[in-house]
Structures are given as C-alpha cells and as structure tokens.
C-alpha atoms as a PDB file:
ATOM      1  CA  MET A   1      63.926 125.426 145.213  1.00  0.00           C
ATOM      2  CA  LYS A   2      61.301 122.964 146.428  1.00  0.00           C
ATOM      3  CA  LYS A   3      62.086 120.497 149.209  1.00  0.00           C
ATOM      4  CA  SER A   4      60.239 117.563 150.804  1.00  0.00           C
ATOM      5  CA  ILE A   5      61.233 116.014 154.093  1.00  0.00           C
ATOM      6  CA  ARG A   6      59.724 113.584 156.588  1.00  0.00           C
ATOM      7  CA  VAL A   7      60.369 114.344 160.258  1.00  0.00           C
ATOM      8  CA  TYR A   8      60.038 111.949 163.204  1.00  0.00           C
ATOM      9  CA  ILE A   9      59.884 113.618 166.606  1.00  0.00           C
ATOM     10  CA  THR A  10      60.428 111.761 169.885  1.00  0.00           C
ATOM     11  CA  GLY A  11      59.755 113.031 173.400  1.00  0.00           C
ATOM     12  CA  ASN A  12      56.866 114.091 175.619  1.00  0.00           C
ATOM     13  CA  ILE A  13      54.925 115.489 172.678  1.00  0.00           C
ATOM     14  CA  GLN A  14      51.498 113.847 172.415  1.00  0.00           C
ATOM     15  CA  GLY A  15      48.437 115.320 174.087  1.00  0.00           C
ATOM     16  CA  ILE A  16      49.900 118.819 174.509  1.00  0.00           C
ATOM     17  CA  TYR A  17      48.709 120.705 171.428  1.00  0.00           C
ATOM     18  CA  PHE A  18      51.801 119.616 169.427  1.00  0.00           C
ATOM     19  CA  ARG A  19      50.020 118.825 166.148  1.00  0.00           C
ATOM     20  CA  SER A  20      48.037 122.087 166.202  1.00  0.00           C
ATOM     21  CA  PHE A  21      51.267 123.982 166.944  1.00  0.00           C
ATOM     22  CA  ILE A  22      52.934 122.373 163.919  1.00  0.00           C
ATOM     23  CA  LYS A  23      49.916 123.105 161.683  1.00  0.00           C
ATOM     24  CA  GLU A  24      49.790 126.781 162.723  1.00  0.00           C
ATOM     25  CA  ASN A  25      53.478 127.232 161.966  1.00  0.00           C
ATOM     26  CA  ALA A  26      53.264 125.336 158.660  1.00  0.00           C
ATOM     27  CA  GLU A  27      50.518 127.705 157.541  1.00  0.00           C
ATOM     28  CA  LYS A  28      52.579 130.688 158.737  1.00  0.00           C
ATOM     29  CA  TYR A  29      55.558 129.546 156.628  1.00  0.00           C
ATOM     30  CA  ASN A  30      53.404 128.373 153.679  1.00  0.00           C
ATOM     31  CA  VAL A  31      54.575 124.764 154.047  1.00  0.00           C
ATOM     32  CA  LYS A  32      52.307 121.925 152.901  1.00  0.00           C
ATOM     33  CA  GLY A  33      52.008 118.312 154.097  1.00  0.00           C
ATOM     34  CA  PHE A  34      50.679 116.691 157.251  1.00  0.00           C
ATOM     35  CA  VAL A  35      51.290 115.911 160.912  1.00  0.00           C
ATOM     36  CA  ARG A  36      50.076 112.863 162.838  1.00  0.00           C
ATOM     37  CA  ASN A  37      50.659 110.976 166.061  1.00  0.00           C
ATOM     38  CA  LEU A  38      52.158 107.503 165.687  1.00  0.00           C
ATOM     39  CA  GLU A  39      51.184 104.547 167.842  1.00  0.00           C
ATOM     40  CA  ASP A  40      54.739 104.292 169.232  1.00  0.00           C
ATOM     41  CA  GLY A  41      54.447 107.774 170.810  1.00  0.00           C
ATOM     42  CA  ARG A  42      56.344 109.697 168.132  1.00  0.00           C
ATOM     43  CA  VAL A  43      54.928 112.415 165.917  1.00  0.00           C
ATOM     44  CA  GLU A  44      55.434 112.222 162.152  1.00  0.00           C
ATOM     45  CA  VAL A  45      55.513 115.405 160.079  1.00  0.00           C
ATOM     46  CA  PHE A  46      55.714 115.570 156.284  1.00  0.00           C
ATOM     47  CA  LEU A  47      56.866 118.979 155.094  1.00  0.00           C
ATOM     48  CA  GLU A  48      57.200 120.345 151.601  1.00  0.00           C
ATOM     49  CA  GLY A  49      57.675 123.788 150.170  1.00  0.00           C
ATOM     50  CA  ASN A  50      60.506 126.224 149.544  1.00  0.00           C
ATOM     51  CA  SER A  51      63.778 124.972 151.068  1.00  0.00           C
ATOM     52  CA  GLU A  52      64.124 127.973 153.380  1.00  0.00           C
ATOM     53  CA  ASP A  53      60.571 127.578 154.740  1.00  0.00           C
ATOM     54  CA  VAL A  54      60.940 123.807 155.222  1.00  0.00           C
ATOM     55  CA  ASN A  55      64.200 124.405 157.120  1.00  0.00           C
ATOM     56  CA  LYS A  56      62.387 126.896 159.393  1.00  0.00           C
ATOM     57  CA  MET A  57      59.731 124.255 160.058  1.00  0.00           C
ATOM     58  CA  ILE A  58      62.386 121.688 161.014  1.00  0.00           C
ATOM     59  CA  GLU A  59      63.579 124.171 163.656  1.00  0.00           C
ATOM     60  CA  VAL A  60      59.963 124.595 164.833  1.00  0.00           C
ATOM     61  CA  CYS A  61      59.725 120.786 165.177  1.00  0.00           C
ATOM     62  CA  LYS A  62      62.888 120.737 167.305  1.00  0.00           C
ATOM     63  CA  MET A  63      61.460 123.380 169.611  1.00  0.00           C
ATOM     64  CA  GLY A  64      57.807 122.358 169.891  1.00  0.00           C
ATOM     65  CA  PRO A  65      55.160 124.248 171.870  1.00  0.00           C
ATOM     66  CA  LYS A  66      55.697 125.516 175.392  1.00  0.00           C
ATOM     67  CA  ASN A  67      54.966 122.238 177.237  1.00  0.00           C
ATOM     68  CA  ALA A  68      56.757 119.914 174.814  1.00  0.00           C
ATOM     69  CA  GLN A  69      59.880 117.996 175.732  1.00  0.00           C
ATOM     70  CA  VAL A  70      61.462 117.132 172.393  1.00  0.00           C
ATOM     71  CA  ARG A  71      64.221 114.539 172.842  1.00  0.00           C
ATOM     72  CA  ASP A  72      65.076 113.642 169.253  1.00  0.00           C
ATOM     73  CA  VAL A  73      64.267 114.800 165.721  1.00  0.00           C
ATOM     74  CA  GLN A  74      65.126 112.607 162.737  1.00  0.00           C
ATOM     75  CA  THR A  75      64.721 113.767 159.144  1.00  0.00           C
ATOM     76  CA  LYS A  76      64.523 111.862 155.877  1.00  0.00           C
ATOM     77  CA  GLN A  77      64.508 113.327 152.355  1.00  0.00           C
ATOM     78  CA  GLU A  78      61.377 112.494 150.358  1.00  0.00           C
ATOM     79  CA  LYS A  79      60.112 112.889 146.786  1.00  0.00           C
ATOM     80  CA  PHE A  80      58.069 116.035 146.212  1.00  0.00           C
ATOM     81  CA  GLN A  81      54.360 115.115 146.289  1.00  0.00           C
ATOM     82  CA  ASP A  82      52.796 118.540 145.646  1.00  0.00           C
ATOM     83  CA  PHE A  83      50.465 118.710 148.659  1.00  0.00           C
ATOM     84  CA  LYS A  84      47.891 121.496 148.355  1.00  0.00           C
ATOM     85  CA  ASN A  85      47.534 122.260 152.076  1.00  0.00           C
ATOM     86  CA  PHE A  86      48.665 121.169 155.556  1.00  0.00           C
ATOM     87  CA  LYS A  87      46.513 118.690 157.469  1.00  0.00           C
ATOM     88  CA  VAL A  88      46.377 117.136 160.915  1.00  0.00           C
ATOM     89  CA  LEU A  89      45.793 113.415 160.345  1.00  0.00           C
ATOM     90  CA  HIS A  90      44.264 111.068 162.894  1.00  0.00           C
ATOM     91  CA  ILE A  91      45.065 107.363 163.027  1.00  0.00           C
END
C-alpha cells in the first residue's frame, strides 16, 4: 500500500549533513519526495512510497546522522503525489 507523509524535524539538525543523510536513506529504502531546510531552523521531509518503507524513513528522521540532536518529529498525512525521485531542495 502506498503512503505519503510530511515530516517536520526540530533540533540541532541544520549544517551537519542532515539532508544528505535523509536522501541517502530514502534512496536505500526506495522512498520518493524531498527534504529541505526551513527558515525557522526545522527540516521538512516529504516521503512517499510503500507504507513499510515510509515508516522506516520516519524512524531514520527521528534518529538523524551521528552529529544530529533531534528534539521533535511531527508527521502529517498527505495526498499521494507520485514523485519520481528524492531531491534535496534549497530555499
């Protein structure tokens, strides 16, 4: 079953390879969507794919790379948009 979810991550997470870490794992789990830094210091991740793979990616977001200090992860169900790949977006 396909699943789409938007994830907002709060913590010490910008400037420490966080977006690249998310992209690498999304490609590993065959999840599509995007990741980007927000101006308020959070990171936004849009994930879509098979439910099991998206759930694995949510766990990856909660963990973050080695130097990350994730304080909070909020998720929001979204409509499936049929992304073709996973991108790192820049504001």
